[in-house]
Protein backbone atom coordinates (compact mmCIF):
# COMPACT_ATOMS: atom_id res chain seq x y z
CA UNK A 1 0.00 0.00 0.00
CA UNK A 2 1.25 3.47 -0.88
CA UNK A 3 0.31 6.73 0.70
CA UNK A 4 0.46 10.08 -1.04
CA UNK A 5 1.11 13.13 1.09
CA UNK A 6 0.44 16.49 -0.45
CA UNK A 7 1.89 19.70 0.91
CA UNK A 8 0.54 23.01 -0.22
CA UNK A 9 3.09 25.69 -0.84
CA UNK A 10 2.35 29.00 0.79
CA UNK A 11 3.27 31.87 -1.48
CA UNK A 12 5.58 34.32 0.18
CA UNK A 13 3.80 37.54 0.89
CA UNK A 14 6.05 40.50 0.32
CA UNK A 15 5.40 43.50 2.50
CA UNK A 16 4.67 46.59 0.44
CA UNK A 17 7.53 49.05 0.36
CA UNK A 18 6.24 52.52 1.18
CA UNK A 19 6.69 55.08 -1.56
CA UNK A 20 9.22 57.74 -0.45
CA UNK A 21 6.75 60.45 -1.47
CA UNK A 22 4.37 59.15 1.23
CA UNK A 23 6.76 59.56 4.15
CA UNK A 24 5.23 62.87 5.21
CA UNK A 25 2.00 63.26 7.11
CA UNK A 26 -1.15 62.66 5.08
CA UNK A 27 -2.58 65.93 6.39
CA UNK A 28 0.40 67.82 4.98
CA UNK A 29 -0.19 66.27 1.55
CA UNK A 30 -3.84 67.34 1.64
CA UNK A 31 -2.82 70.83 2.83
CA UNK A 32 -0.50 71.05 -0.20
CA UNK A 33 -3.57 70.20 -2.33
CA UNK A 34 -1.80 67.28 -4.00
CA UNK A 35 -4.93 65.14 -4.05
CA UNK A 36 -3.59 62.50 -6.42
CA UNK A 37 -0.62 61.86 -4.12
CA UNK A 38 -2.88 61.96 -1.05
CA UNK A 39 -5.17 59.37 -2.66
CA UNK A 40 -2.20 57.12 -3.46
CA UNK A 41 -0.54 57.47 -0.05
CA UNK A 42 -3.77 56.96 1.89
CA UNK A 43 -4.53 53.84 -0.18
CA UNK A 44 -1.02 52.57 0.52
CA UNK A 45 -1.45 53.07 4.28
CA UNK A 46 -4.88 51.42 4.23
CA UNK A 47 -3.32 48.25 2.81
CA UNK A 48 -1.46 47.71 6.07
CA UNK A 49 -3.88 49.37 8.52
CA UNK A 50 -7.41 49.26 7.06
CA UNK A 51 -9.01 50.96 10.10
CA UNK A 52 -6.67 53.97 10.17
CA UNK A 53 -9.16 56.81 10.62
CA UNK A 54 -6.79 59.49 9.32
CA UNK A 55 -6.05 57.50 6.16
CA UNK A 56 -9.76 56.83 5.62
CA UNK A 57 -10.58 60.53 5.93
CA UNK A 58 -7.71 61.62 3.67
CA UNK A 59 -8.71 58.99 1.12
CA UNK A 60 -12.30 60.25 1.24
CA UNK A 61 -11.24 63.89 0.83
CA UNK A 62 -8.88 63.08 -2.03
CA UNK A 63 -11.57 61.00 -3.75
CA UNK A 64 -13.98 63.92 -3.39
CA UNK A 65 -11.51 66.34 -4.96
CA UNK A 66 -10.84 63.86 -7.78
CA UNK A 67 -14.58 63.61 -8.54
CA UNK A 68 -15.11 60.13 -7.12
CA UNK A 69 -18.18 60.99 -5.06
CA UNK A 70 -19.36 57.44 -4.29
CA UNK A 71 -15.89 56.45 -3.10
CA UNK A 72 -15.64 59.60 -0.99
CA UNK A 73 -18.95 58.94 0.76
CA UNK A 74 -18.12 55.27 1.30
CA UNK A 75 -14.74 56.00 2.91
CA UNK A 76 -16.10 58.86 5.02
CA UNK A 77 -18.71 56.45 6.40
CA UNK A 78 -15.98 53.86 7.07
CA UNK A 79 -13.98 56.51 8.93
CA UNK A 80 -16.99 57.36 11.05
CA UNK A 81 -17.41 53.68 11.92
CA UNK A 82 -13.68 53.14 12.57
CA UNK A 83 -13.57 56.04 15.02
CA UNK A 84 -16.14 54.39 17.28
CA UNK A 85 -14.67 51.93 19.79
């Protein structure tokens, strides 16, 4: 009798490398009115910390300024829910 043992390989999950342009505070990027960069940096931060209220709010504001109204409302509501403990 023969027995077959199957092992599943786990793909290595690489941690995202933060973009150097996103090293500053998200609020400073919004204050500079660079909404495309704010959108990108907030999305990057949300990949690692999805309940980060600041990132949710910045993402919502940037989406609003970029004309993505549904996204803006959705993320503003998520921020409201994330802020409640």
